[in-house]
Amino acid sequence: MRRRQRFPTYDWSESTYRTESMRPWSHRLAWVLCGATVVLLAAGALVTSTGSSLAVPDWPLAYGQLFPPMVGGILYEHGHRLIAAFVGLLTIATAGWIWWAEPRRWVRWLAVAALGAVVVQGVLGGITVLLLLPKAVSIGHALLAQGFCLLTVALVQVTAARWDGLVERGRHPPRSRAATWALVTLAALVLELLLGAIVRHFNAGLAIPDFPLAYGRLIPPLSAFPILIHFLHRLGALVVLGLIGGTLWEVFRRHGNDPALRRPATALGWLLALQILLGGAVIWTQRAPTITTLHLVNGALLIATAAVLSLRALVLTTPGGAASRAPTAEASEP
């Protein structure tokens, strides 16, 4: 009788490039797009941190012009739009190149997903301005920005030459829960991002004016929504702290000698420490625009690093989860 395979299979390699010279360019374009996206996130954070979201009241033009006088809040708001336009064009170029050069169908569709996300993101940005900053749209705009960033991070990973080596190693994975820990941590970070976006767009950043205590207590009076959502954001940070601690413990205990997992795990720990420090500094400096922007950008890097660790852990430690497996040998009974 045939023995059924325990895990689903999927071939993440599928085939090779038409010429090996194409692969480095796919990776380079993905890197440039990812870096430009981080710059765009920083520009968007500056817009909200400086209160410049409606400094330009029309869209897609700015005061009826392509290039209005870049002064005051217009510099931040229209500068953000110009960077977004550049990222959009770069996404088109990257997606087009990958669609033409990349032999792996799932990677091509990943690039198409990034292109679709940047189009939707641009539309949401326009709606945000035209409808005078509706909170639901503004929060969705913030979440999709991070989602687009994660898509670019994934493109960087899967177009790298080392990806084939990871897939090959993943054909015989060790026993480990690193992928589970990393994925749960990533999910918690996304929820924390949502809470942070709500805090930001409900102007609740200083609803609790002290840190690490809250009104001099462990639990503040939760009498108003801004205080409640701010406090939930702080509680979410504690949950993330515990989950990242568990993730680091599992990675270093099981895979301490594997740089593919050790390096992103180490970066995750340092970024978490910096994020907690920046979170306190936001309160201590009364939401200074530079500190608030750094807090948002570092949070994006934290989520991106968790995504890298999750993706690599899926490939290297999950049976059948990310690498094609050889068919199970058939067993017969007399």
C-alpha atoms as a PDB file:
ATOM      1  CA  MET A   1       0.000   0.000   0.000  1.00  0.00           C
ATOM      2  CA  ARG A   2       1.094   3.605  -0.580  1.00  0.00           C
ATOM      3  CA  ARG A   3       2.137   5.732   2.351  1.00  0.00           C
ATOM      4  CA  ARG A   4       0.628   9.191   2.193  1.00  0.00           C
ATOM      5  CA  GLN A   5       2.819  12.218   2.543  1.00  0.00           C
ATOM      6  CA  ARG A   6       2.284  13.910   5.860  1.00  0.00           C
ATOM      7  CA  PHE A   7       2.879  17.486   4.672  1.00  0.00           C
ATOM      8  CA  PRO A   8       1.855  19.326   1.499  1.00  0.00           C
ATOM      9  CA  THR A   9       4.591  19.897  -1.021  1.00  0.00           C
ATOM     10  CA  TYR A  10       5.503  22.936  -3.068  1.00  0.00           C
ATOM     11  CA  ASP A  11       8.489  23.555  -5.282  1.00  0.00           C
ATOM     12  CA  TRP A  12       9.822  26.992  -4.411  1.00  0.00           C
ATOM     13  CA  SER A  13      12.580  26.792  -7.010  1.00  0.00           C
ATOM     14  CA  GLU A  14      10.585  25.544 -10.029  1.00  0.00           C
ATOM     15  CA  SER A  15      13.174  26.404 -12.674  1.00  0.00           C
ATOM     16  CA  THR A  16      16.231  28.492 -13.415  1.00  0.00           C
ATOM     17  CA  TYR A  17      16.707  31.926 -14.970  1.00  0.00           C
ATOM     18  CA  ARG A  18      17.090  32.203 -18.717  1.00  0.00           C
ATOM     19  CA  THR A  19      20.574  33.575 -18.089  1.00  0.00           C
ATOM     20  CA  GLU A  20      22.309  33.864 -14.723  1.00  0.00           C
ATOM     21  CA  SER A  21      23.029  37.537 -15.406  1.00  0.00           C
ATOM     22  CA  MET A  22      19.316  38.300 -14.943  1.00  0.00           C
ATOM     23  CA  ARG A  23      19.081  37.177 -11.332  1.00  0.00           C
ATOM     24  CA  PRO A  24      21.403  39.804  -9.804  1.00  0.00           C
ATOM     25  CA  TRP A  25      19.393  42.563 -11.465  1.00  0.00           C
ATOM     26  CA  SER A  26      16.136  41.257 -10.019  1.00  0.00           C
ATOM     27  CA  HIS A  27      17.756  41.288  -6.591  1.00  0.00           C
ATOM     28  CA  ARG A  28      19.245  44.758  -7.061  1.00  0.00           C
ATOM     29  CA  LEU A  29      15.947  46.225  -8.184  1.00  0.00           C
ATOM     30  CA  ALA A  30      14.189  44.625  -5.215  1.00  0.00           C
ATOM     31  CA  TRP A  31      16.782  46.110  -2.848  1.00  0.00           C
ATOM     32  CA  VAL A  32      16.423  49.601  -4.323  1.00  0.00           C
ATOM     33  CA  LEU A  33      12.629  49.347  -4.114  1.00  0.00           C
ATOM     34  CA  CYS A  34      12.799  48.171  -0.497  1.00  0.00           C
ATOM     35  CA  GLY A  35      15.151  51.006   0.472  1.00  0.00           C
ATOM     36  CA  ALA A  36      12.985  53.584  -1.286  1.00  0.00           C
ATOM     37  CA  THR A  37       9.958  52.237   0.555  1.00  0.00           C
ATOM     38  CA  VAL A  38      11.626  52.771   3.926  1.00  0.00           C
ATOM     39  CA  VAL A  39      12.393  56.373   2.886  1.00  0.00           C
ATOM     40  CA  LEU A  40       8.737  56.755   1.884  1.00  0.00           C
ATOM     41  CA  LEU A  41       7.609  55.452   5.284  1.00  0.00           C
ATOM     42  CA  ALA A  42       9.854  58.014   6.966  1.00  0.00           C
ATOM     43  CA  ALA A  43       8.441  60.791   4.783  1.00  0.00           C
ATOM     44  CA  GLY A  44       4.894  59.745   5.628  1.00  0.00           C
ATOM     45  CA  ALA A  45       5.741  59.688   9.328  1.00  0.00           C
ATOM     46  CA  LEU A  46       7.114  63.219   9.079  1.00  0.00           C
ATOM     47  CA  VAL A  47       3.854  64.383   7.502  1.00  0.00           C
ATOM     48  CA  THR A  48       1.758  63.232  10.461  1.00  0.00           C
ATOM     49  CA  SER A  49       4.400  64.073  13.084  1.00  0.00           C
ATOM     50  CA  THR A  50       4.532  67.689  11.906  1.00  0.00           C
ATOM     51  CA  GLY A  51       0.762  68.005  11.433  1.00  0.00           C
ATOM     52  CA  SER A  52       1.154  68.572   7.702  1.00  0.00           C
ATOM     53  CA  SER A  53      -1.423  66.075   6.440  1.00  0.00           C
ATOM     54  CA  LEU A  54      -3.665  68.771   4.913  1.00  0.00           C
ATOM     55  CA  ALA A  55      -0.968  71.297   4.087  1.00  0.00           C
ATOM     56  CA  VAL A  56      -1.864  70.546   0.458  1.00  0.00           C
ATOM     57  CA  PRO A  57      -5.685  70.391   0.289  1.00  0.00           C
ATOM     58  CA  ASP A  58      -6.079  69.060  -3.270  1.00  0.00           C
ATOM     59  CA  TRP A  59      -5.042  65.847  -5.041  1.00  0.00           C
ATOM     60  CA  PRO A  60      -3.424  64.699  -7.315  1.00  0.00           C
ATOM     61  CA  LEU A  61      -2.188  68.256  -7.960  1.00  0.00           C
ATOM     62  CA  ALA A  62      -0.964  70.583  -5.233  1.00  0.00           C
ATOM     63  CA  TYR A  63      -2.675  73.962  -5.286  1.00  0.00           C
ATOM     64  CA  GLY A  64      -3.341  73.170  -8.934  1.00  0.00           C
ATOM     65  CA  GLN A  65       0.361  72.706  -9.666  1.00  0.00           C
ATOM     66  CA  LEU A  66       2.798  69.859 -10.061  1.00  0.00           C
ATOM     67  CA  PHE A  67       5.460  71.694  -8.040  1.00  0.00           C
ATOM     68  CA  PRO A  68       4.065  74.232  -5.565  1.00  0.00           C
ATOM     69  CA  PRO A  69       6.386  76.359  -3.387  1.00  0.00           C
ATOM     70  CA  MET A  70       8.085  73.863  -1.062  1.00  0.00           C
ATOM     71  CA  VAL A  71       7.722  75.759   2.198  1.00  0.00           C
ATOM     72  CA  GLY A  72       6.340  74.887   5.625  1.00  0.00           C
ATOM     73  CA  GLY A  73       4.030  71.887   5.743  1.00  0.00           C
ATOM     74  CA  ILE A  74       3.880  71.803   1.933  1.00  0.00           C
ATOM     75  CA  LEU A  75       7.488  70.616   1.956  1.00  0.00           C
ATOM     76  CA  TYR A  76       6.586  67.557   4.030  1.00  0.00           C
ATOM     77  CA  GLU A  77       3.245  66.766   2.374  1.00  0.00           C
ATOM     78  CA  HIS A  78       4.192  67.326  -1.256  1.00  0.00           C
ATOM     79  CA  GLY A  79       7.653  65.879  -0.674  1.00  0.00           C
ATOM     80  CA  HIS A  80       5.901  62.731   0.535  1.00  0.00           C
ATOM     81  CA  ARG A  81       3.822  62.672  -2.648  1.00  0.00           C
ATOM     82  CA  LEU A  82       6.892  63.057  -4.867  1.00  0.00           C
ATOM     83  CA  ILE A  83       8.683  60.209  -3.111  1.00  0.00           C
ATOM     84  CA  ALA A  84       5.516  58.107  -3.414  1.00  0.00           C
ATOM     85  CA  ALA A  85       5.408  58.791  -7.153  1.00  0.00           C
ATOM     86  CA  PHE A  86       9.029  57.692  -7.476  1.00  0.00           C
ATOM     87  CA  VAL A  87       8.313  54.503  -5.519  1.00  0.00           C
ATOM     88  CA  GLY A  88       5.309  53.835  -7.758  1.00  0.00           C
ATOM     89  CA  LEU A  89       7.405  54.148 -10.919  1.00  0.00           C
ATOM     90  CA  LEU A  90      10.128  52.001  -9.381  1.00  0.00           C
ATOM     91  CA  THR A  91       7.545  49.355  -8.492  1.00  0.00           C
ATOM     92  CA  ILE A  92       6.313  49.294 -12.086  1.00  0.00           C
ATOM     93  CA  ALA A  93       9.878  48.841 -13.333  1.00  0.00           C
ATOM     94  CA  THR A  94      10.662  46.128 -10.774  1.00  0.00           C
ATOM     95  CA  ALA A  95       7.442  44.219 -11.378  1.00  0.00           C
ATOM     96  CA  GLY A  96       7.909  44.438 -15.150  1.00  0.00           C
ATOM     97  CA  TRP A  97      11.492  43.192 -14.992  1.00  0.00           C
ATOM     98  CA  ILE A  98      10.653  40.330 -12.638  1.00  0.00           C
ATOM     99  CA  TRP A  99       7.663  39.313 -14.759  1.00  0.00           C
ATOM    100  CA  TRP A 100       9.907  39.128 -17.830  1.00  0.00           C
ATOM    101  CA  ALA A 101      13.057  37.648 -16.285  1.00  0.00           C
ATOM    102  CA  GLU A 102      11.858  35.526 -13.368  1.00  0.00           C
ATOM    103  CA  PRO A 103      11.097  31.850 -14.125  1.00  0.00           C
ATOM    104  CA  ARG A 104       9.274  31.179 -10.837  1.00  0.00           C
ATOM    105  CA  ARG A 105       5.609  31.894 -11.305  1.00  0.00           C
ATOM    106  CA  TRP A 106       4.928  32.586  -7.608  1.00  0.00           C
ATOM    107  CA  VAL A 107       7.703  35.211  -7.526  1.00  0.00           C
ATOM    108  CA  ARG A 108       6.213  36.918 -10.574  1.00  0.00           C
ATOM    109  CA  TRP A 109       2.834  37.115  -8.850  1.00  0.00           C
ATOM    110  CA  LEU A 110       4.507  38.390  -5.686  1.00  0.00           C
ATOM    111  CA  ALA A 111       5.841  41.304  -7.756  1.00  0.00           C
ATOM    112  CA  VAL A 112       2.367  41.862  -9.225  1.00  0.00           C
ATOM    113  CA  ALA A 113       0.946  41.916  -5.692  1.00  0.00           C
ATOM    114  CA  ALA A 114       3.453  44.636  -4.783  1.00  0.00           C
ATOM    115  CA  LEU A 115       2.382  46.630  -7.833  1.00  0.00           C
ATOM    116  CA  GLY A 116      -1.289  46.265  -6.918  1.00  0.00           C
ATOM    117  CA  ALA A 117      -0.569  47.328  -3.344  1.00  0.00           C
ATOM    118  CA  VAL A 118       1.232  50.493  -4.385  1.00  0.00           C
ATOM    119  CA  VAL A 119      -1.654  51.451  -6.704  1.00  0.00           C
ATOM    120  CA  VAL A 120      -4.215  50.961  -3.933  1.00  0.00           C
ATOM    121  CA  GLN A 121      -1.959  52.849  -1.540  1.00  0.00           C
ATOM    122  CA  GLY A 122      -1.830  55.841  -3.872  1.00  0.00           C
ATOM    123  CA  VAL A 123      -5.620  55.869  -4.178  1.00  0.00           C
ATOM    124  CA  LEU A 124      -6.012  55.678  -0.390  1.00  0.00           C
ATOM    125  CA  GLY A 125      -3.612  58.582  -0.023  1.00  0.00           C
ATOM    126  CA  GLY A 126      -5.725  60.664  -2.392  1.00  0.00           C
ATOM    127  CA  ILE A 127      -8.964  59.728  -0.618  1.00  0.00           C
ATOM    128  CA  THR A 128      -7.379  60.676   2.702  1.00  0.00           C
ATOM    129  CA  VAL A 129      -6.795  64.209   1.425  1.00  0.00           C
ATOM    130  CA  LEU A 130     -10.052  64.643  -0.487  1.00  0.00           C
ATOM    131  CA  LEU A 131     -12.200  63.430   2.424  1.00  0.00           C
ATOM    132  CA  LEU A 132     -10.244  65.467   5.008  1.00  0.00           C
ATOM    133  CA  LEU A 133      -8.449  62.669   6.846  1.00  0.00           C
ATOM    134  CA  PRO A 134     -11.187  60.137   7.671  1.00  0.00           C
ATOM    135  CA  LYS A 135      -9.660  58.024  10.441  1.00  0.00           C
ATOM    136  CA  ALA A 136     -10.559  54.619   8.973  1.00  0.00           C
ATOM    137  CA  VAL A 137      -8.958  55.481   5.621  1.00  0.00           C
ATOM    138  CA  SER A 138      -5.906  57.049   7.259  1.00  0.00           C
ATOM    139  CA  ILE A 139      -5.357  53.979   9.436  1.00  0.00           C
ATOM    140  CA  GLY A 140      -5.818  51.697   6.425  1.00  0.00           C
ATOM    141  CA  HIS A 141      -3.299  53.821   4.527  1.00  0.00           C
ATOM    142  CA  ALA A 142      -0.767  53.315   7.346  1.00  0.00           C
ATOM    143  CA  LEU A 143      -1.330  49.543   7.497  1.00  0.00           C
ATOM    144  CA  LEU A 144      -1.100  49.046   3.747  1.00  0.00           C
ATOM    145  CA  ALA A 145       2.146  51.030   3.701  1.00  0.00           C
ATOM    146  CA  GLN A 146       3.704  48.454   6.006  1.00  0.00           C
ATOM    147  CA  GLY A 147       2.134  45.618   4.015  1.00  0.00           C
ATOM    148  CA  PHE A 148       3.726  46.954   0.846  1.00  0.00           C
ATOM    149  CA  CYS A 149       7.051  47.220   2.643  1.00  0.00           C
ATOM    150  CA  LEU A 150       6.789  43.542   3.650  1.00  0.00           C
ATOM    151  CA  LEU A 151       6.153  42.570   0.027  1.00  0.00           C
ATOM    152  CA  THR A 152       9.349  44.357  -1.018  1.00  0.00           C
ATOM    153  CA  VAL A 153      11.253  42.617   1.780  1.00  0.00           C
ATOM    154  CA  ALA A 154       9.972  39.255   0.527  1.00  0.00           C
ATOM    155  CA  LEU A 155      11.113  40.126  -3.008  1.00  0.00           C
ATOM    156  CA  VAL A 156      14.589  40.928  -1.697  1.00  0.00           C
ATOM    157  CA  GLN A 157      14.756  37.554   0.031  1.00  0.00           C
ATOM    158  CA  VAL A 158      13.479  35.322  -2.757  1.00  0.00           C
ATOM    159  CA  THR A 159      15.493  36.951  -5.542  1.00  0.00           C
ATOM    160  CA  ALA A 160      18.781  36.536  -3.644  1.00  0.00           C
ATOM    161  CA  ALA A 161      21.237  33.923  -4.896  1.00  0.00           C
ATOM    162  CA  ARG A 162      21.363  32.412  -1.397  1.00  0.00           C
ATOM    163  CA  TRP A 163      17.645  31.560  -1.588  1.00  0.00           C
ATOM    164  CA  ASP A 164      18.364  28.375  -3.541  1.00  0.00           C
ATOM    165  CA  GLY A 165      20.740  27.262  -0.808  1.00  0.00           C
ATOM    166  CA  LEU A 166      18.107  27.871   1.857  1.00  0.00           C
ATOM    167  CA  VAL A 167      15.547  25.876  -0.100  1.00  0.00           C
ATOM    168  CA  GLU A 168      17.986  23.007  -0.559  1.00  0.00           C
ATOM    169  CA  ARG A 169      18.823  22.961   3.151  1.00  0.00           C
ATOM    170  CA  GLY A 170      15.120  23.047   3.965  1.00  0.00           C
ATOM    171  CA  ARG A 171      14.577  19.683   2.309  1.00  0.00           C
ATOM    172  CA  HIS A 172      15.810  18.029   5.498  1.00  0.00           C
ATOM    173  CA  PRO A 173      14.736  20.364   8.300  1.00  0.00           C
ATOM    174  CA  PRO A 174      15.680  19.892  11.975  1.00  0.00           C
ATOM    175  CA  ARG A 175      13.057  19.639  14.685  1.00  0.00           C
ATOM    176  CA  SER A 176      12.271  23.193  15.728  1.00  0.00           C
ATOM    177  CA  ARG A 177       9.471  25.578  16.651  1.00  0.00           C
ATOM    178  CA  ALA A 178      11.341  28.619  15.369  1.00  0.00           C
ATOM    179  CA  ALA A 179       8.886  29.192  12.513  1.00  0.00           C
ATOM    180  CA  THR A 180       5.884  29.058  14.860  1.00  0.00           C
ATOM    181  CA  TRP A 181       7.457  31.506  17.290  1.00  0.00           C
ATOM    182  CA  ALA A 182       8.507  33.856  14.491  1.00  0.00           C
ATOM    183  CA  LEU A 183       5.093  33.839  12.804  1.00  0.00           C
ATOM    184  CA  VAL A 184       3.214  34.466  16.062  1.00  0.00           C
ATOM    185  CA  THR A 185       5.634  37.306  16.813  1.00  0.00           C
ATOM    186  CA  LEU A 186       5.069  38.765  13.355  1.00  0.00           C
ATOM    187  CA  ALA A 187       1.288  38.607  13.836  1.00  0.00           C
ATOM    188  CA  ALA A 188       1.605  40.340  17.224  1.00  0.00           C
ATOM    189  CA  LEU A 189       3.771  43.055  15.683  1.00  0.00           C
ATOM    190  CA  VAL A 190       1.155  43.693  12.995  1.00  0.00           C
ATOM    191  CA  LEU A 191      -1.529  44.041  15.675  1.00  0.00           C
ATOM    192  CA  GLU A 192       0.774  46.401  17.583  1.00  0.00           C
ATOM    193  CA  LEU A 193       1.189  48.391  14.376  1.00  0.00           C
ATOM    194  CA  LEU A 194      -2.598  48.660  14.139  1.00  0.00           C
ATOM    195  CA  LEU A 195      -2.814  49.914  17.724  1.00  0.00           C
ATOM    196  CA  GLY A 196      -0.021  52.397  17.038  1.00  0.00           C
ATOM    197  CA  ALA A 197      -1.814  53.687  13.936  1.00  0.00           C
ATOM    198  CA  ILE A 198      -5.013  54.176  15.957  1.00  0.00           C
ATOM    199  CA  VAL A 199      -3.067  56.036  18.651  1.00  0.00           C
ATOM    200  CA  ARG A 200      -1.446  58.214  16.010  1.00  0.00           C
ATOM    201  CA  HIS A 201      -4.593  59.118  14.079  1.00  0.00           C
ATOM    202  CA  PHE A 202      -6.695  59.692  17.206  1.00  0.00           C
ATOM    203  CA  ASN A 203      -3.995  62.058  18.510  1.00  0.00           C
ATOM    204  CA  ALA A 204      -3.561  59.876  21.581  1.00  0.00           C
ATOM    205  CA  GLY A 205       0.241  59.899  21.607  1.00  0.00           C
ATOM    206  CA  LEU A 206       0.326  61.970  24.805  1.00  0.00           C
ATOM    207  CA  ALA A 207      -2.942  60.723  26.313  1.00  0.00           C
ATOM    208  CA  ILE A 208      -0.704  59.185  28.983  1.00  0.00           C
ATOM    209  CA  PRO A 209       1.961  61.838  29.638  1.00  0.00           C
ATOM    210  CA  ASP A 210       4.478  59.788  31.629  1.00  0.00           C
ATOM    211  CA  PHE A 211       6.565  56.657  30.987  1.00  0.00           C
ATOM    212  CA  PRO A 212       7.182  53.909  32.066  1.00  0.00           C
ATOM    213  CA  LEU A 213       4.344  54.507  34.543  1.00  0.00           C
ATOM    214  CA  ALA A 214       0.934  55.817  33.486  1.00  0.00           C
ATOM    215  CA  TYR A 215      -0.268  58.774  35.534  1.00  0.00           C
ATOM    216  CA  GLY A 216       2.145  57.538  38.192  1.00  0.00           C
ATOM    217  CA  ARG A 217       0.441  54.125  38.314  1.00  0.00           C
ATOM    218  CA  LEU A 218       0.741  50.736  36.668  1.00  0.00           C
ATOM    219  CA  ILE A 219      -2.822  51.001  35.339  1.00  0.00           C
ATOM    220  CA  PRO A 220      -4.169  54.470  34.537  1.00  0.00           C
ATOM    221  CA  PRO A 221      -7.817  55.534  34.858  1.00  0.00           C
ATOM    222  CA  LEU A 222      -9.318  54.205  31.630  1.00  0.00           C
ATOM    223  CA  SER A 223     -12.040  56.810  31.501  1.00  0.00           C
ATOM    224  CA  ALA A 224     -11.467  58.058  27.949  1.00  0.00           C
ATOM    225  CA  PHE A 225     -10.840  56.344  24.617  1.00  0.00           C
ATOM    226  CA  PRO A 226      -7.462  58.059  23.948  1.00  0.00           C
ATOM    227  CA  ILE A 227      -6.130  56.816  27.299  1.00  0.00           C
ATOM    228  CA  LEU A 228      -7.521  53.313  26.681  1.00  0.00           C
ATOM    229  CA  ILE A 229      -6.016  52.921  23.215  1.00  0.00           C
ATOM    230  CA  HIS A 230      -2.690  54.373  24.349  1.00  0.00           C
ATOM    231  CA  PHE A 231      -2.562  51.956  27.283  1.00  0.00           C
ATOM    232  CA  LEU A 232      -3.477  49.012  25.032  1.00  0.00           C
ATOM    233  CA  HIS A 233      -0.574  50.003  22.778  1.00  0.00           C
ATOM    234  CA  ARG A 234       1.759  49.817  25.769  1.00  0.00           C
ATOM    235  CA  LEU A 235       0.320  46.435  26.818  1.00  0.00           C
ATOM    236  CA  GLY A 236       0.801  45.220  23.252  1.00  0.00           C
ATOM    237  CA  ALA A 237       4.452  46.191  23.504  1.00  0.00           C
ATOM    238  CA  LEU A 238       4.793  43.953  26.575  1.00  0.00           C
ATOM    239  CA  VAL A 239       3.223  41.051  24.670  1.00  0.00           C
ATOM    240  CA  VAL A 240       5.617  41.637  21.773  1.00  0.00           C
ATOM    241  CA  LEU A 241       8.529  41.748  24.232  1.00  0.00           C
ATOM    242  CA  GLY A 242       7.576  38.325  25.601  1.00  0.00           C
ATOM    243  CA  LEU A 243       7.074  36.795  22.161  1.00  0.00           C
ATOM    244  CA  ILE A 244      10.366  38.124  20.810  1.00  0.00           C
ATOM    245  CA  GLY A 245      12.069  36.777  23.923  1.00  0.00           C
ATOM    246  CA  GLY A 246      10.585  33.342  23.221  1.00  0.00           C
ATOM    247  CA  THR A 247      11.580  33.562  19.556  1.00  0.00           C
ATOM    248  CA  LEU A 248      15.171  34.461  20.405  1.00  0.00           C
ATOM    249  CA  TRP A 249      15.342  31.639  22.951  1.00  0.00           C
ATOM    250  CA  GLU A 250      14.167  29.082  20.395  1.00  0.00           C
ATOM    251  CA  VAL A 251      16.423  30.375  17.604  1.00  0.00           C
ATOM    252  CA  PHE A 252      19.598  30.551  19.683  1.00  0.00           C
ATOM    253  CA  ARG A 253      18.866  27.266  21.446  1.00  0.00           C
ATOM    254  CA  ARG A 254      18.196  25.302  18.248  1.00  0.00           C
ATOM    255  CA  HIS A 255      19.939  27.296  15.524  1.00  0.00           C
ATOM    256  CA  GLY A 256      22.652  29.307  17.239  1.00  0.00           C
ATOM    257  CA  ASN A 257      25.215  28.154  14.682  1.00  0.00           C
ATOM    258  CA  ASP A 258      23.077  29.021  11.654  1.00  0.00           C
ATOM    259  CA  PRO A 259      23.730  32.621  10.535  1.00  0.00           C
ATOM    260  CA  ALA A 260      20.649  32.577   8.271  1.00  0.00           C
ATOM    261  CA  LEU A 261      18.474  32.564  11.409  1.00  0.00           C
ATOM    262  CA  ARG A 262      20.870  33.907  14.021  1.00  0.00           C
ATOM    263  CA  ARG A 263      21.507  37.225  12.256  1.00  0.00           C
ATOM    264  CA  PRO A 264      17.871  38.337  11.806  1.00  0.00           C
ATOM    265  CA  ALA A 265      17.114  37.118  15.332  1.00  0.00           C
ATOM    266  CA  THR A 266      19.951  39.237  16.723  1.00  0.00           C
ATOM    267  CA  ALA A 267      18.773  42.242  14.731  1.00  0.00           C
ATOM    268  CA  LEU A 268      15.244  41.666  16.048  1.00  0.00           C
ATOM    269  CA  GLY A 269      16.482  41.881  19.634  1.00  0.00           C
ATOM    270  CA  TRP A 270      18.441  45.104  19.083  1.00  0.00           C
ATOM    271  CA  LEU A 271      15.587  46.739  17.156  1.00  0.00           C
ATOM    272  CA  LEU A 272      13.167  45.851  19.948  1.00  0.00           C
ATOM    273  CA  ALA A 273      15.414  47.479  22.551  1.00  0.00           C
ATOM    274  CA  LEU A 274      15.702  50.603  20.390  1.00  0.00           C
ATOM    275  CA  GLN A 275      11.937  50.671  19.816  1.00  0.00           C
ATOM    276  CA  ILE A 276      11.202  50.619  23.543  1.00  0.00           C
ATOM    277  CA  LEU A 277      13.707  53.430  24.095  1.00  0.00           C
ATOM    278  CA  LEU A 278      12.181  55.482  21.261  1.00  0.00           C
ATOM    279  CA  GLY A 279       8.691  54.851  22.614  1.00  0.00           C
ATOM    280  CA  GLY A 280       9.731  56.317  25.955  1.00  0.00           C
ATOM    281  CA  ALA A 281      11.492  59.204  24.199  1.00  0.00           C
ATOM    282  CA  VAL A 282       8.275  60.088  22.344  1.00  0.00           C
ATOM    283  CA  ILE A 283       6.668  60.768  25.741  1.00  0.00           C
ATOM    284  CA  TRP A 284       9.700  62.415  27.316  1.00  0.00           C
ATOM    285  CA  THR A 285      10.128  64.831  24.379  1.00  0.00           C
ATOM    286  CA  GLN A 286       6.404  65.567  24.078  1.00  0.00           C
ATOM    287  CA  ARG A 287       6.193  63.926  20.648  1.00  0.00           C
ATOM    288  CA  ALA A 288       9.151  65.670  19.051  1.00  0.00           C
ATOM    289  CA  PRO A 289       8.696  65.124  15.276  1.00  0.00           C
ATOM    290  CA  THR A 290      12.140  63.574  14.760  1.00  0.00           C
ATOM    291  CA  ILE A 291      11.759  61.098  17.628  1.00  0.00           C
ATOM    292  CA  THR A 292       8.193  60.216  16.638  1.00  0.00           C
ATOM    293  CA  THR A 293       9.289  59.589  13.055  1.00  0.00           C
ATOM    294  CA  LEU A 294      12.199  57.409  14.187  1.00  0.00           C
ATOM    295  CA  HIS A 295       9.791  55.423  16.371  1.00  0.00           C
ATOM    296  CA  LEU A 296       7.587  54.686  13.368  1.00  0.00           C
ATOM    297  CA  VAL A 297      10.474  53.859  11.021  1.00  0.00           C
ATOM    298  CA  ASN A 298      12.170  51.606  13.567  1.00  0.00           C
ATOM    299  CA  GLY A 299       8.839  49.848  14.091  1.00  0.00           C
ATOM    300  CA  ALA A 300       8.672  49.202  10.355  1.00  0.00           C
ATOM    301  CA  LEU A 301      12.211  47.777  10.428  1.00  0.00           C
ATOM    302  CA  LEU A 302      11.228  45.609  13.393  1.00  0.00           C
ATOM    303  CA  ILE A 303       8.286  44.115  11.506  1.00  0.00           C
ATOM    304  CA  ALA A 304      10.390  43.665   8.362  1.00  0.00           C
ATOM    305  CA  THR A 305      13.067  41.823  10.339  1.00  0.00           C
ATOM    306  CA  ALA A 306      10.442  39.579  11.919  1.00  0.00           C
ATOM    307  CA  ALA A 307       9.158  38.831   8.403  1.00  0.00           C
ATOM    308  CA  VAL A 308      12.660  37.904   7.212  1.00  0.00           C
ATOM    309  CA  LEU A 309      13.115  35.596  10.197  1.00  0.00           C
ATOM    310  CA  SER A 310       9.675  34.039   9.641  1.00  0.00           C
ATOM    311  CA  LEU A 311      10.305  33.411   5.956  1.00  0.00           C
ATOM    312  CA  ARG A 312      13.709  31.849   6.544  1.00  0.00           C
ATOM    313  CA  ALA A 313      12.431  29.769   9.456  1.00  0.00           C
ATOM    314  CA  LEU A 314       9.579  28.464   7.300  1.00  0.00           C
ATOM    315  CA  VAL A 315      12.061  27.411   4.646  1.00  0.00           C
ATOM    316  CA  LEU A 316      14.633  25.894   6.982  1.00  0.00           C
ATOM    317  CA  THR A 317      12.598  24.314   9.786  1.00  0.00           C
ATOM    318  CA  THR A 318       9.108  23.468   8.533  1.00  0.00           C
ATOM    319  CA  PRO A 319       8.666  20.055   6.893  1.00  0.00           C
ATOM    320  CA  GLY A 320       6.975  20.580   3.545  1.00  0.00           C
ATOM    321  CA  GLY A 321       6.184  24.180   4.372  1.00  0.00           C
ATOM    322  CA  ALA A 322       8.604  25.965   2.104  1.00  0.00           C
ATOM    323  CA  ALA A 323      10.721  23.516   0.164  1.00  0.00           C
ATOM    324  CA  SER A 324       9.754  20.795  -2.239  1.00  0.00           C
ATOM    325  CA  ARG A 325      10.190  17.393  -0.755  1.00  0.00           C
ATOM    326  CA  ALA A 326      11.176  14.169  -2.354  1.00  0.00           C
ATOM    327  CA  PRO A 327       8.221  11.796  -2.628  1.00  0.00           C
ATOM    328  CA  THR A 328       7.948   9.439   0.302  1.00  0.00           C
ATOM    329  CA  ALA A 329       9.222   6.028  -0.526  1.00  0.00           C
ATOM    330  CA  GLU A 330       6.497   3.563  -1.258  1.00  0.00           C
ATOM    331  CA  ALA A 331       6.074   0.738   1.194  1.00  0.00           C
ATOM    332  CA  SER A 332       4.421  -2.505   0.254  1.00  0.00           C
ATOM    333  CA  GLU A 333       3.028  -5.233   2.342  1.00  0.00           C
ATOM    334  CA  PRO A 334       3.032  -8.849   1.296  1.00  0.00           C
END
